[in-house]
């Protein structure tokens, strides 16, 4: 299914307190307030899974470390990399994510 471009703008006024609440919820569960408000208005099911942010942060850190290792290997600075600890950490995060998704079901 091809995504349609979003060309229409809807504007509304809220109090500073309402804006703060909307943004807090949006950034807790989504990337942008517009995505959050669109899903709320279109009656899409919003599921909050506590702990996903922690797992995502850990995955970002591992991704950064892998990028640094890749650069070091490609530049010739390193010739051999042991990824055993990284593999174990990814396994632990994967298990945590599986537990979180089972709780949602």
PDB file of N, CA and C in Angstrom:
ATOM      1  N   UNK A   1       0.832  -1.171   0.000  1.00  0.00           N
ATOM      2  CA  UNK A   1       0.000   0.000   0.000  1.00  0.00           C
ATOM      3  C   UNK A   1       0.885   1.245   0.000  1.00  0.00           C
ATOM      4  N   UNK A   2       0.681   2.099  -0.966  1.00  0.00           N
ATOM      5  CA  UNK A   2       1.486   3.303  -1.116  1.00  0.00           C
ATOM      6  C   UNK A   2       1.025   4.377  -0.128  1.00  0.00           C
ATOM      7  N   UNK A   3       1.978   4.993   0.565  1.00  0.00           N
ATOM      8  CA  UNK A   3       1.644   6.050   1.506  1.00  0.00           C
ATOM      9  C   UNK A   3       1.317   7.323   0.750  1.00  0.00           C
ATOM     10  N   UNK A   4       0.256   7.972   1.171  1.00  0.00           N
ATOM     11  CA  UNK A   4      -0.112   9.242   0.566  1.00  0.00           C
ATOM     12  C   UNK A   4       0.628  10.361   1.282  1.00  0.00           C
ATOM     13  N   UNK A   5       1.078  11.368   0.537  1.00  0.00           N
ATOM     14  CA  UNK A   5       1.758  12.495   1.191  1.00  0.00           C
ATOM     15  C   UNK A   5       0.767  13.290   2.044  1.00  0.00           C
ATOM     16  N   UNK A   6       1.244  13.766   3.143  1.00  0.00           N
ATOM     17  CA  UNK A   6       0.406  14.563   4.042  1.00  0.00           C
ATOM     18  C   UNK A   6       0.569  16.031   3.645  1.00  0.00           C
ATOM     19  N   UNK A   7      -0.456  16.572   3.024  1.00  0.00           N
ATOM     20  CA  UNK A   7      -0.371  17.940   2.498  1.00  0.00           C
ATOM     21  C   UNK A   7      -1.280  18.915   3.244  1.00  0.00           C
ATOM     22  N   UNK A   8      -2.215  18.400   4.029  1.00  0.00           N
ATOM     23  CA  UNK A   8      -3.185  19.263   4.705  1.00  0.00           C
ATOM     24  C   UNK A   8      -2.718  19.577   6.127  1.00  0.00           C
ATOM     25  N   UNK A   9      -3.007  20.811   6.567  1.00  0.00           N
ATOM     26  CA  UNK A   9      -2.624  21.247   7.907  1.00  0.00           C
ATOM     27  C   UNK A   9      -3.880  21.563   8.699  1.00  0.00           C
ATOM     28  N   UNK A  10      -3.947  21.045   9.918  1.00  0.00           N
ATOM     29  CA  UNK A  10      -5.021  21.374  10.847  1.00  0.00           C
ATOM     30  C   UNK A  10      -4.383  22.096  12.016  1.00  0.00           C
ATOM     31  N   UNK A  11      -4.925  23.244  12.350  1.00  0.00           N
ATOM     32  CA  UNK A  11      -4.379  24.043  13.436  1.00  0.00           C
ATOM     33  C   UNK A  11      -5.405  24.158  14.555  1.00  0.00           C
ATOM     34  N   UNK A  12      -4.956  24.124  15.786  1.00  0.00           N
ATOM     35  CA  UNK A  12      -5.853  24.259  16.932  1.00  0.00           C
ATOM     36  C   UNK A  12      -5.119  24.968  18.057  1.00  0.00           C
ATOM     37  N   UNK A  13      -5.889  25.542  18.956  1.00  0.00           N
ATOM     38  CA  UNK A  13      -5.300  26.245  20.101  1.00  0.00           C
ATOM     39  C   UNK A  13      -5.509  25.415  21.367  1.00  0.00           C
ATOM     40  N   UNK A  14      -4.485  25.420  22.203  1.00  0.00           N
ATOM     41  CA  UNK A  14      -4.543  24.731  23.491  1.00  0.00           C
ATOM     42  C   UNK A  14      -3.894  25.622  24.538  1.00  0.00           C
ATOM     43  N   UNK A  15      -4.152  25.320  25.788  1.00  0.00           N
ATOM     44  CA  UNK A  15      -3.494  26.055  26.867  1.00  0.00           C
ATOM     45  C   UNK A  15      -2.055  25.556  26.981  1.00  0.00           C
ATOM     46  N   UNK A  16      -1.186  26.319  27.629  1.00  0.00           N
ATOM     47  CA  UNK A  16       0.186  25.841  27.836  1.00  0.00           C
ATOM     48  C   UNK A  16       0.236  24.495  28.569  1.00  0.00           C
ATOM     49  N   UNK A  17      -0.695  24.314  29.520  1.00  0.00           N
ATOM     50  CA  UNK A  17      -0.729  23.048  30.265  1.00  0.00           C
ATOM     51  C   UNK A  17      -1.139  21.896  29.355  1.00  0.00           C
ATOM     52  N   UNK A  18      -2.141  22.130  28.503  1.00  0.00           N
ATOM     53  CA  UNK A  18      -2.570  21.100  27.563  1.00  0.00           C
ATOM     54  C   UNK A  18      -1.451  20.754  26.584  1.00  0.00           C
ATOM     55  N   UNK A  19      -0.760  21.769  26.111  1.00  0.00           N
ATOM     56  CA  UNK A  19       0.353  21.522  25.190  1.00  0.00           C
ATOM     57  C   UNK A  19       1.419  20.663  25.858  1.00  0.00           C
ATOM     58  N   UNK A  20       1.716  20.973  27.103  1.00  0.00           N
ATOM     59  CA  UNK A  20       2.728  20.211  27.836  1.00  0.00           C
ATOM     60  C   UNK A  20       2.310  18.747  27.975  1.00  0.00           C
ATOM     61  N   UNK A  21       1.033  18.517  28.303  1.00  0.00           N
ATOM     62  CA  UNK A  21       0.529  17.147  28.451  1.00  0.00           C
ATOM     63  C   UNK A  21       0.598  16.404  27.122  1.00  0.00           C
ATOM     64  N   UNK A  22       0.132  17.062  26.054  1.00  0.00           N
ATOM     65  CA  UNK A  22       0.147  16.431  24.725  1.00  0.00           C
ATOM     66  C   UNK A  22       1.573  16.089  24.313  1.00  0.00           C
ATOM     67  N   UNK A  23       2.488  17.030  24.480  1.00  0.00           N
ATOM     68  CA  UNK A  23       3.876  16.777  24.087  1.00  0.00           C
ATOM     69  C   UNK A  23       4.511  15.690  24.941  1.00  0.00           C
ATOM     70  N   UNK A  24       4.201  15.684  26.226  1.00  0.00           N
ATOM     71  CA  UNK A  24       4.758  14.647  27.107  1.00  0.00           C
ATOM     72  C   UNK A  24       4.304  13.259  26.664  1.00  0.00           C
ATOM     73  N   UNK A  25       3.008  13.133  26.389  1.00  0.00           N
ATOM     74  CA  UNK A  25       2.486  11.843  25.923  1.00  0.00           C
ATOM     75  C   UNK A  25       3.063  11.490  24.557  1.00  0.00           C
ATOM     76  N   UNK A  26       3.120  12.468  23.684  1.00  0.00           N
ATOM     77  CA  UNK A  26       3.604  12.211  22.327  1.00  0.00           C
ATOM     78  C   UNK A  26       5.056  11.746  22.339  1.00  0.00           C
ATOM     79  N   UNK A  27       5.912  12.454  23.051  1.00  0.00           N
ATOM     80  CA  UNK A  27       7.325  12.098  23.047  1.00  0.00           C
ATOM     81  C   UNK A  27       7.605  10.845  23.869  1.00  0.00           C
ATOM     82  N   UNK A  28       6.673  10.475  24.767  1.00  0.00           N
ATOM     83  CA  UNK A  28       6.835   9.239  25.526  1.00  0.00           C
ATOM     84  C   UNK A  28       6.530   8.021  24.670  1.00  0.00           C
ATOM     85  N   UNK A  29       5.552   8.157  23.759  1.00  0.00           N
ATOM     86  CA  UNK A  29       5.080   7.011  23.004  1.00  0.00           C
ATOM     87  C   UNK A  29       5.399   7.094  21.517  1.00  0.00           C
ATOM     88  N   UNK A  30       5.655   8.272  21.014  1.00  0.00           N
ATOM     89  CA  UNK A  30       5.840   8.495  19.580  1.00  0.00           C
ATOM     90  C   UNK A  30       7.080   9.331  19.353  1.00  0.00           C
ATOM     91  N   UNK A  31       7.318   9.644  18.098  1.00  0.00           N
ATOM     92  CA  UNK A  31       8.435  10.530  17.776  1.00  0.00           C
ATOM     93  C   UNK A  31       7.993  11.977  17.680  1.00  0.00           C
ATOM     94  N   UNK A  32       6.749  12.200  17.269  1.00  0.00           N
ATOM     95  CA  UNK A  32       6.269  13.572  17.100  1.00  0.00           C
ATOM     96  C   UNK A  32       4.846  13.712  17.628  1.00  0.00           C
ATOM     97  N   UNK A  33       4.492  14.919  18.087  1.00  0.00           N
ATOM     98  CA  UNK A  33       3.108  15.151  18.509  1.00  0.00           C
ATOM     99  C   UNK A  33       2.110  14.950  17.367  1.00  0.00           C
ATOM    100  N   UNK A  34       2.482  15.290  16.150  1.00  0.00           N
ATOM    101  CA  UNK A  34       1.532  15.133  15.045  1.00  0.00           C
ATOM    102  C   UNK A  34       1.173  13.664  14.821  1.00  0.00           C
ATOM    103  N   UNK A  35       2.141  12.766  14.940  1.00  0.00           N
ATOM    104  CA  UNK A  35       1.850  11.333  14.809  1.00  0.00           C
ATOM    105  C   UNK A  35       0.899  10.887  15.917  1.00  0.00           C
ATOM    106  N   UNK A  36       1.167  11.332  17.127  1.00  0.00           N
ATOM    107  CA  UNK A  36       0.339  10.963  18.272  1.00  0.00           C
ATOM    108  C   UNK A  36      -1.085  11.480  18.104  1.00  0.00           C
ATOM    109  N   UNK A  37      -1.236  12.755  17.778  1.00  0.00           N
ATOM    110  CA  UNK A  37      -2.567  13.349  17.634  1.00  0.00           C
ATOM    111  C   UNK A  37      -3.340  12.729  16.474  1.00  0.00           C
ATOM    112  N   UNK A  38      -2.652  12.422  15.389  1.00  0.00           N
ATOM    113  CA  UNK A  38      -3.299  11.779  14.240  1.00  0.00           C
ATOM    114  C   UNK A  38      -3.866  10.415  14.653  1.00  0.00           C
ATOM    115  N   UNK A  39      -3.064   9.626  15.356  1.00  0.00           N
ATOM    116  CA  UNK A  39      -3.526   8.302  15.786  1.00  0.00           C
ATOM    117  C   UNK A  39      -4.675   8.405  16.789  1.00  0.00           C
ATOM    118  N   UNK A  40      -4.607   9.378  17.693  1.00  0.00           N
ATOM    119  CA  UNK A  40      -5.712   9.576  18.650  1.00  0.00           C
ATOM    120  C   UNK A  40      -6.995   9.938  17.909  1.00  0.00           C
ATOM    121  N   UNK A  41      -6.909  10.870  16.983  1.00  0.00           N
ATOM    122  CA  UNK A  41      -8.094  11.350  16.267  1.00  0.00           C
ATOM    123  C   UNK A  41      -8.682  10.278  15.359  1.00  0.00           C
ATOM    124  N   UNK A  42      -7.847   9.409  14.830  1.00  0.00           N
ATOM    125  CA  UNK A  42      -8.323   8.374  13.905  1.00  0.00           C
ATOM    126  C   UNK A  42      -8.638   7.061  14.619  1.00  0.00           C
ATOM    127  N   UNK A  43      -8.741   7.124  15.948  1.00  0.00           N
ATOM    128  CA  UNK A  43      -9.111   5.972  16.776  1.00  0.00           C
ATOM    129  C   UNK A  43      -8.190   4.770  16.591  1.00  0.00           C
ATOM    130  N   UNK A  44      -6.935   5.026  16.346  1.00  0.00           N
ATOM    131  CA  UNK A  44      -5.986   3.913  16.274  1.00  0.00           C
ATOM    132  C   UNK A  44      -5.629   3.491  17.693  1.00  0.00           C
ATOM    133  N   UNK A  45      -5.390   2.219  17.857  1.00  0.00           N
ATOM    134  CA  UNK A  45      -5.073   1.676  19.174  1.00  0.00           C
ATOM    135  C   UNK A  45      -3.653   2.110  19.564  1.00  0.00           C
ATOM    136  N   UNK A  46      -3.550   2.736  20.716  1.00  0.00           N
ATOM    137  CA  UNK A  46      -2.259   3.190  21.224  1.00  0.00           C
ATOM    138  C   UNK A  46      -1.879   2.281  22.380  1.00  0.00           C
ATOM    139  N   UNK A  47      -0.791   1.579  22.229  1.00  0.00           N
ATOM    140  CA  UNK A  47      -0.327   0.648  23.249  1.00  0.00           C
ATOM    141  C   UNK A  47       0.970   1.196  23.842  1.00  0.00           C
ATOM    142  N   UNK A  48       0.987   1.319  25.143  1.00  0.00           N
ATOM    143  CA  UNK A  48       2.173   1.806  25.842  1.00  0.00           C
ATOM    144  C   UNK A  48       2.874   0.618  26.462  1.00  0.00           C
ATOM    145  N   UNK A  49       4.140   0.438  26.112  1.00  0.00           N
ATOM    146  CA  UNK A  49       4.929  -0.656  26.662  1.00  0.00           C
ATOM    147  C   UNK A  49       6.080  -0.040  27.443  1.00  0.00           C
ATOM    148  N   UNK A  50       5.991  -0.125  28.753  1.00  0.00           N
ATOM    149  CA  UNK A  50       7.053   0.429  29.595  1.00  0.00           C
ATOM    150  C   UNK A  50       8.323  -0.400  29.447  1.00  0.00           C
ATOM    151  N   UNK A  51       9.441   0.279  29.336  1.00  0.00           N
ATOM    152  CA  UNK A  51      10.729  -0.399  29.235  1.00  0.00           C
ATOM    153  C   UNK A  51      11.301  -0.426  27.839  1.00  0.00           C
ATOM    154  N   UNK A  52      10.496  -0.103  26.838  1.00  0.00           N
ATOM    155  CA  UNK A  52      10.995  -0.134  25.466  1.00  0.00           C
ATOM    156  C   UNK A  52      12.045   0.953  25.247  1.00  0.00           C
ATOM    157  N   UNK A  53      11.844   2.111  25.872  1.00  0.00           N
ATOM    158  CA  UNK A  53      12.813   3.200  25.719  1.00  0.00           C
ATOM    159  C   UNK A  53      14.195   2.782  26.212  1.00  0.00           C
ATOM    160  N   UNK A  54      14.240   2.057  27.324  1.00  0.00           N
ATOM    161  CA  UNK A  54      15.522   1.599  27.862  1.00  0.00           C
ATOM    162  C   UNK A  54      16.215   0.659  26.876  1.00  0.00           C
ATOM    163  N   UNK A  55      15.441  -0.267  26.327  1.00  0.00           N
ATOM    164  CA  UNK A  55      16.012  -1.210  25.362  1.00  0.00           C
ATOM    165  C   UNK A  55      16.478  -0.474  24.106  1.00  0.00           C
ATOM    166  N   UNK A  56      15.706   0.499  23.648  1.00  0.00           N
ATOM    167  CA  UNK A  56      16.089   1.264  22.458  1.00  0.00           C
ATOM    168  C   UNK A  56      17.376   2.042  22.712  1.00  0.00           C
ATOM    169  N   UNK A  57      17.515   2.622  23.893  1.00  0.00           N
ATOM    170  CA  UNK A  57      18.750   3.346  24.224  1.00  0.00           C
ATOM    171  C   UNK A  57      19.953   2.410  24.248  1.00  0.00           C
ATOM    172  N   UNK A  58      19.771   1.233  24.799  1.00  0.00           N
ATOM    173  CA  UNK A  58      20.869   0.256  24.834  1.00  0.00           C
ATOM    174  C   UNK A  58      21.256  -0.157  23.413  1.00  0.00           C
ATOM    175  N   UNK A  59      20.252  -0.378  22.563  1.00  0.00           N
ATOM    176  CA  UNK A  59      20.538  -0.754  21.169  1.00  0.00           C
ATOM    177  C   UNK A  59      21.274   0.369  20.439  1.00  0.00           C
ATOM    178  N   UNK A  60      20.904   1.626  20.708  1.00  0.00           N
ATOM    179  CA  UNK A  60      21.612   2.749  20.089  1.00  0.00           C
ATOM    180  C   UNK A  60      23.081   2.773  20.502  1.00  0.00           C
ATOM    181  N   UNK A  61      23.329   2.535  21.784  1.00  0.00           N
ATOM    182  CA  UNK A  61      24.706   2.523  22.281  1.00  0.00           C
ATOM    183  C   UNK A  61      25.513   1.406  21.612  1.00  0.00           C
ATOM    184  N   UNK A  62      24.906   0.229  21.496  1.00  0.00           N
ATOM    185  CA  UNK A  62      25.592  -0.883  20.841  1.00  0.00           C
ATOM    186  C   UNK A  62      25.849  -0.542  19.374  1.00  0.00           C
ATOM    187  N   UNK A  63      24.853   0.065  18.723  1.00  0.00           N
ATOM    188  CA  UNK A  63      25.028   0.476  17.330  1.00  0.00           C
ATOM    189  C   UNK A  63      26.175   1.462  17.169  1.00  0.00           C
ATOM    190  N   UNK A  64      26.279   2.413  18.087  1.00  0.00           N
ATOM    191  CA  UNK A  64      27.394   3.372  18.041  1.00  0.00           C
ATOM    192  C   UNK A  64      28.737   2.663  18.209  1.00  0.00           C
ATOM    193  N   UNK A  65      28.786   1.718  19.146  1.00  0.00           N
ATOM    194  CA  UNK A  65      30.025   0.969  19.357  1.00  0.00           C
ATOM    195  C   UNK A  65      30.405   0.161  18.117  1.00  0.00           C
ATOM    196  N   UNK A  66      29.411  -0.472  17.483  1.00  0.00           N
ATOM    197  CA  UNK A  66      29.687  -1.242  16.265  1.00  0.00           C
ATOM    198  C   UNK A  66      30.188  -0.329  15.145  1.00  0.00           C
ATOM    199  N   UNK A  67      29.610   0.862  15.038  1.00  0.00           N
ATOM    200  CA  UNK A  67      30.086   1.811  14.022  1.00  0.00           C
ATOM    201  C   UNK A  67      31.536   2.205  14.272  1.00  0.00           C
ATOM    202  N   UNK A  68      31.896   2.435  15.518  1.00  0.00           N
ATOM    203  CA  UNK A  68      33.274   2.792  15.844  1.00  0.00           C
ATOM    204  C   UNK A  68      34.227   1.643  15.526  1.00  0.00           C
ATOM    205  N   UNK A  69      33.807   0.419  15.853  1.00  0.00           N
ATOM    206  CA  UNK A  69      34.639  -0.745  15.541  1.00  0.00           C
ATOM    207  C   UNK A  69      34.794  -0.918  14.031  1.00  0.00           C
ATOM    208  N   UNK A  70      33.710  -0.716  13.293  1.00  0.00           N
ATOM    209  CA  UNK A  70      33.756  -0.842  11.829  1.00  0.00           C
ATOM    210  C   UNK A  70      34.719   0.171  11.236  1.00  0.00           C
ATOM    211  N   UNK A  71      34.649   1.399  11.717  1.00  0.00           N
ATOM    212  CA  UNK A  71      35.577   2.437  11.228  1.00  0.00           C
ATOM    213  C   UNK A  71      37.024   2.062  11.522  1.00  0.00           C
ATOM    214  N   UNK A  72      37.265   1.542  12.740  1.00  0.00           N
ATOM    215  CA  UNK A  72      38.620   1.169  13.132  1.00  0.00           C
ATOM    216  C   UNK A  72      39.152   0.041  12.262  1.00  0.00           C
ATOM    217  N   UNK A  73      38.313  -0.944  11.971  1.00  0.00           N
ATOM    218  CA  UNK A  73      38.732  -2.065  11.126  1.00  0.00           C
ATOM    219  C   UNK A  73      38.973  -1.582   9.697  1.00  0.00           C
ATOM    220  N   UNK A  74      38.049  -0.771   9.173  1.00  0.00           N
ATOM    221  CA  UNK A  74      38.192  -0.280   7.796  1.00  0.00           C
ATOM    222  C   UNK A  74      39.396   0.634   7.619  1.00  0.00           C
ATOM    223  N   UNK A  75      39.794   1.330   8.668  1.00  0.00           N
ATOM    224  CA  UNK A  75      40.949   2.219   8.566  1.00  0.00           C
ATOM    225  C   UNK A  75      42.269   1.471   8.755  1.00  0.00           C
ATOM    226  N   UNK A  76      42.173   0.203   9.147  1.00  0.00           N
ATOM    227  CA  UNK A  76      43.383  -0.587   9.349  1.00  0.00           C
ATOM    228  C   UNK A  76      43.933  -0.481  10.757  1.00  0.00           C
ATOM    229  N   UNK A  77      43.253   0.268  11.613  1.00  0.00           N
ATOM    230  CA  UNK A  77      43.704   0.433  12.993  1.00  0.00           C
ATOM    231  C   UNK A  77      43.550  -0.863  13.776  1.00  0.00           C
ATOM    232  N   UNK A  78      42.485  -1.618  13.490  1.00  0.00           N
ATOM    233  CA  UNK A  78      42.265  -2.912  14.115  1.00  0.00           C
ATOM    234  C   UNK A  78      42.211  -3.978  13.029  1.00  0.00           C
ATOM    235  N   UNK A  79      42.698  -5.165  13.342  1.00  0.00           N
ATOM    236  CA  UNK A  79      42.659  -6.262  12.385  1.00  0.00           C
ATOM    237  C   UNK A  79      41.695  -7.355  12.808  1.00  0.00           C
ATOM    238  N   UNK A  80      41.427  -7.422  14.112  1.00  0.00           N
ATOM    239  CA  UNK A  80      40.564  -8.477  14.627  1.00  0.00           C
ATOM    240  C   UNK A  80      39.708  -7.904  15.750  1.00  0.00           C
ATOM    241  N   UNK A  81      38.420  -8.240  15.738  1.00  0.00           N
ATOM    242  CA  UNK A  81      37.500  -7.730  16.753  1.00  0.00           C
ATOM    243  C   UNK A  81      36.753  -8.908  17.365  1.00  0.00           C
ATOM    244  N   UNK A  82      36.709  -8.956  18.688  1.00  0.00           N
ATOM    245  CA  UNK A  82      35.967  -9.986  19.390  1.00  0.00           C
ATOM    246  C   UNK A  82      34.603  -9.413  19.779  1.00  0.00           C
ATOM    247  N   UNK A  83      33.556  -9.951  19.192  1.00  0.00           N
ATOM    248  CA  UNK A  83      32.203  -9.444  19.430  1.00  0.00           C
ATOM    249  C   UNK A  83      31.391 -10.325  20.367  1.00  0.00           C
ATOM    250  N   UNK A  84      32.039 -11.160  21.140  1.00  0.00           N
ATOM    251  CA  UNK A  84      31.332 -12.067  22.048  1.00  0.00           C
ATOM    252  C   UNK A  84      30.495 -11.299  23.062  1.00  0.00           C
ATOM    253  N   UNK A  85      31.072 -10.268  23.677  1.00  0.00           N
ATOM    254  CA  UNK A  85      30.338  -9.486  24.678  1.00  0.00           C
ATOM    255  C   UNK A  85      29.161  -8.756  24.027  1.00  0.00           C
ATOM    256  N   UNK A  86      29.369  -8.245  22.829  1.00  0.00           N
ATOM    257  CA  UNK A  86      28.303  -7.547  22.110  1.00  0.00           C
ATOM    258  C   UNK A  86      27.172  -8.512  21.785  1.00  0.00           C
ATOM    259  N   UNK A  87      27.515  -9.699  21.346  1.00  0.00           N
ATOM    260  CA  UNK A  87      26.517 -10.715  21.021  1.00  0.00           C
ATOM    261  C   UNK A  87      25.692 -11.071  22.257  1.00  0.00           C
ATOM    262  N   UNK A  88      26.339 -11.213  23.404  1.00  0.00           N
ATOM    263  CA  UNK A  88      25.636 -11.541  24.647  1.00  0.00           C
ATOM    264  C   UNK A  88      24.709 -10.400  25.074  1.00  0.00           C
ATOM    265  N   UNK A  89      25.177  -9.165  24.914  1.00  0.00           N
ATOM    266  CA  UNK A  89      24.344  -8.010  25.270  1.00  0.00           C
ATOM    267  C   UNK A  89      23.124  -7.915  24.372  1.00  0.00           C
ATOM    268  N   UNK A  90      23.310  -8.164  23.076  1.00  0.00           N
ATOM    269  CA  UNK A  90      22.182  -8.152  22.143  1.00  0.00           C
ATOM    270  C   UNK A  90      21.186  -9.265  22.490  1.00  0.00           C
ATOM    271  N   UNK A  91      21.691 -10.413  22.881  1.00  0.00           N
ATOM    272  CA  UNK A  91      20.814 -11.525  23.277  1.00  0.00           C
ATOM    273  C   UNK A  91      19.979 -11.134  24.489  1.00  0.00           C
ATOM    274  N   UNK A  92      20.601 -10.462  25.462  1.00  0.00           N
ATOM    275  CA  UNK A  92      19.898 -10.029  26.669  1.00  0.00           C
ATOM    276  C   UNK A  92      18.807  -9.004  26.323  1.00  0.00           C
ATOM    277  N   UNK A  93      19.123  -8.050  25.453  1.00  0.00           N
ATOM    278  CA  UNK A  93      18.144  -7.036  25.057  1.00  0.00           C
ATOM    279  C   UNK A  93      17.001  -7.688  24.281  1.00  0.00           C
ATOM    280  N   UNK A  94      17.329  -8.615  23.396  1.00  0.00           N
ATOM    281  CA  UNK A  94      16.309  -9.318  22.621  1.00  0.00           C
ATOM    282  C   UNK A  94      15.340 -10.052  23.549  1.00  0.00           C
ATOM    283  N   UNK A  95      15.864 -10.705  24.565  1.00  0.00           N
ATOM    284  CA  UNK A  95      15.018 -11.410  25.527  1.00  0.00           C
ATOM    285  C   UNK A  95      14.119 -10.428  26.291  1.00  0.00           C
ATOM    286  N   UNK A  96      14.661  -9.272  26.649  1.00  0.00           N
ATOM    287  CA  UNK A  96      13.868  -8.248  27.340  1.00  0.00           C
ATOM    288  C   UNK A  96      12.737  -7.756  26.454  1.00  0.00           C
ATOM    289  N   UNK A  97      13.033  -7.511  25.186  1.00  0.00           N
ATOM    290  CA  UNK A  97      11.995  -7.058  24.260  1.00  0.00           C
ATOM    291  C   UNK A  97      10.917  -8.113  24.070  1.00  0.00           C
ATOM    292  N   UNK A  98      11.322  -9.379  23.997  1.00  0.00           N
ATOM    293  CA  UNK A  98      10.340 -10.455  23.866  1.00  0.00           C
ATOM    294  C   UNK A  98       9.412 -10.509  25.074  1.00  0.00           C
ATOM    295  N   UNK A  99       9.963 -10.335  26.269  1.00  0.00           N
ATOM    296  CA  UNK A  99       9.141 -10.316  27.483  1.00  0.00           C
ATOM    297  C   UNK A  99       8.167  -9.153  27.463  1.00  0.00           C
ATOM    298  N   UNK A 100       8.629  -7.987  27.024  1.00  0.00           N
ATOM    299  CA  UNK A 100       7.755  -6.802  26.968  1.00  0.00           C
ATOM    300  C   UNK A 100       6.618  -7.007  25.993  1.00  0.00           C
ATOM    301  N   UNK A 101       6.902  -7.583  24.846  1.00  0.00           N
ATOM    302  CA  UNK A 101       5.841  -7.787  23.852  1.00  0.00           C
ATOM    303  C   UNK A 101       4.861  -8.849  24.307  1.00  0.00           C
ATOM    304  N   UNK A 102       5.309  -9.845  25.052  1.00  0.00           N
ATOM    305  CA  UNK A 102       4.403 -10.863  25.581  1.00  0.00           C
ATOM    306  C   UNK A 102       3.449 -10.252  26.597  1.00  0.00           C
ATOM    307  N   UNK A 103       3.923  -9.267  27.375  1.00  0.00           N
ATOM    308  CA  UNK A 103       3.065  -8.610  28.361  1.00  0.00           C
ATOM    309  C   UNK A 103       1.946  -7.824  27.658  1.00  0.00           C
ATOM    310  N   UNK A 104       2.233  -7.292  26.494  1.00  0.00           N
ATOM    311  CA  UNK A 104       1.239  -6.508  25.752  1.00  0.00           C
ATOM    312  C   UNK A 104       0.153  -7.411  25.211  1.00  0.00           C
ATOM    313  N   UNK A 105       0.521  -8.593  24.749  1.00  0.00           N
ATOM    314  CA  UNK A 105      -0.448  -9.526  24.177  1.00  0.00           C
ATOM    315  C   UNK A 105      -1.317 -10.018  25.262  1.00  0.00           C
TER     316      UNK A 105
END
